[in-house]
Protein backbone atom coordinates (compact mmCIF):
# COMPACT_ATOMS: atom_id res chain seq x y z
CA MET A 1 0.00 0.00 0.00
CA THR A 2 1.57 3.27 -1.08
CA LYS A 3 0.47 6.46 0.57
CA ASP A 4 -0.05 9.60 -1.48
CA LYS A 5 2.17 12.46 -0.30
CA ASN A 6 -0.69 14.92 -0.71
CA ASP A 7 -3.12 12.84 1.38
CA ARG A 8 -3.97 14.93 4.41
CA SER A 9 -6.85 12.87 5.74
CA THR A 10 -4.83 11.96 8.83
CA TRP A 11 -4.70 15.62 9.76
CA ALA A 12 -8.30 15.23 10.91
CA ILE A 13 -7.07 13.28 13.95
CA GLY A 14 -4.79 16.10 15.06
CA GLY A 15 -7.44 18.67 14.30
CA GLY A 16 -9.98 16.77 16.36
CA ILE A 17 -7.60 16.54 19.30
CA LEU A 18 -6.87 20.27 19.12
CA LEU A 19 -10.59 20.98 18.94
CA GLY A 20 -11.17 18.80 22.00
CA LEU A 21 -8.31 20.55 23.79
CA GLY A 22 -9.86 23.94 23.15
CA VAL A 23 -13.28 22.83 24.31
CA GLY A 24 -11.70 21.15 27.34
CA PHE A 25 -9.97 24.36 28.39
CA PHE A 26 -13.29 26.15 28.08
CA PHE A 27 -15.00 23.69 30.46
CA LEU A 28 -12.02 23.11 32.77
CA GLU A 29 -12.94 25.69 35.41
CA SER A 30 -16.68 25.07 35.46
CA ALA A 31 -17.03 21.31 34.93
CA GLY A 32 -13.70 19.92 36.15
CA ALA A 33 -10.95 17.64 34.94
CA LEU A 34 -13.20 14.80 33.79
CA ALA A 35 -14.91 17.09 31.29
CA PHE A 36 -11.47 18.11 30.03
CA VAL A 37 -10.43 14.49 29.46
CA GLY A 38 -13.82 13.65 27.99
CA SER A 39 -13.60 16.46 25.47
CA LEU A 40 -10.13 15.29 24.42
CA LEU A 41 -11.45 11.79 23.84
CA ALA A 42 -14.46 13.13 21.96
CA GLY A 43 -12.15 15.19 19.74
CA LEU A 44 -10.04 12.12 19.05
CA GLY A 45 -13.15 10.11 18.17
CA ILE A 46 -14.43 12.80 15.81
CA GLY A 47 -11.02 12.98 14.13
CA LEU A 48 -10.92 9.22 13.65
CA ILE A 49 -14.42 9.19 12.17
CA ILE A 50 -13.57 12.00 9.74
CA THR A 51 -10.34 10.23 8.75
CA SER A 52 -12.17 7.00 7.99
CA ILE A 53 -14.77 8.84 5.91
CA LEU A 54 -12.10 10.71 3.95
CA SER A 55 -10.02 7.61 3.30
CA LYS A 56 -13.10 5.70 2.13
CA CYS A 57 -14.02 8.49 -0.28
CA ARG A 58 -10.52 8.47 -1.80
CA SER A 59 -10.60 4.71 -2.48
């Protein structure tokens, strides 16, 4: 399996984690540390879902 150099579908994972990090910092003071960790995991999950959709569309 050769990977295209211009394939940036895996960037969705990093983008989802950064999105979750931003949302987690927003809720850190009001909801606590569990909401912070939960938003990071949700961001990771969203990034993985977007990556799988993008890779399926390219095939």
